[in-house]
Amino acid sequence: MLSIRPRRLGKLGECGAGRAALARPLPTLPSGGVWGGPEKWEGAGPPHLPLSEPFAIHRQRLLDALWAERAAFGGRLLDLGCGDQPYRRFFGDRCTAWIGLDRSAAPRPTVVGDLVRLPIRPASCDTVLCTQVLDDVPCPPALFAAAAAVLRPGGRLVLTASQYAPLHDEPHDYYRATRHALADCCTHAGLRVEVLRPVGGSAALVGFVVACHLPLLRGDGRLARAARAVWHALALALDQRWPRYGDTMGWVLVAVKP
């Protein structure tokens, strides 16, 4: 995976290369297992997700990128916008506490609260994890500021954000983020960017867009599942063989609070 450390980046405004290296073959989870299974993941690397599932291209590359930055996880972790806490099984053993916070009690959060007015003591967390939430926040810089406020000095924000995603959760789908926008939000929040890692390259992006919109690949029947598996495998193979990170599905950001 390519880690990009941006330099002279533009302003977001006020609100108001490397080749993807595949490890040795890894087990494949049963359908739905990565997102629903409570058991701890014991593999030496991230699992290979079932390619017949919707969004498999994005989920695979997102998990790959987070796994590459697993050293950023540690201490007392706040999972911001946690949903059903799918990443706890992969990274929970690196943390002394895992606190899930969400706006709704429907999943299984530890705490129910607002994502930008956090009911968490300032400077009390070593890690803030926020995955695929930024799309749904009306004022992204406010979320960065809230995360920075609850981090201890030396603590890290691990955040994932889409650069491309189909419309979802309307009308509460607001933004897509470039690496420049993410870096600028960090600057305004007093955070220093350590890593910006792309979630797949151009081939994965094209494969994801087609899978989201081609009717044949969107069904629930046996033919659709088989077609998805073939298409996803092809897109991921091309993404590995000819990685091009000029355009990507999204970003994994690691930023530290000085």
Foldseek 3Di string as FASTA:
>chain_A
DDWDADDDFDAPDAPCDDFDDDDPADAEDPAPCLQPPPAADDDPFDHQYQQLDAPSLLVVLVRRVCRVVLVLDEEAEEEQQQAQVSCCSHRVVRYPHYAYEHCDPVHPGNYHDDQLPDPAQFQAGQEYEYEACQQQDSGNLSNLLSRLRRHHAFHKYKYKFFQDDPDDPPPRGHDGDDPSHVCNSCVVNQWRWDTKAFSFADLSVVLNVCLVPPVLCPDDDPSNSVVSSVSSVVSVVCRNVDPHHPDGGIIITMIGRD
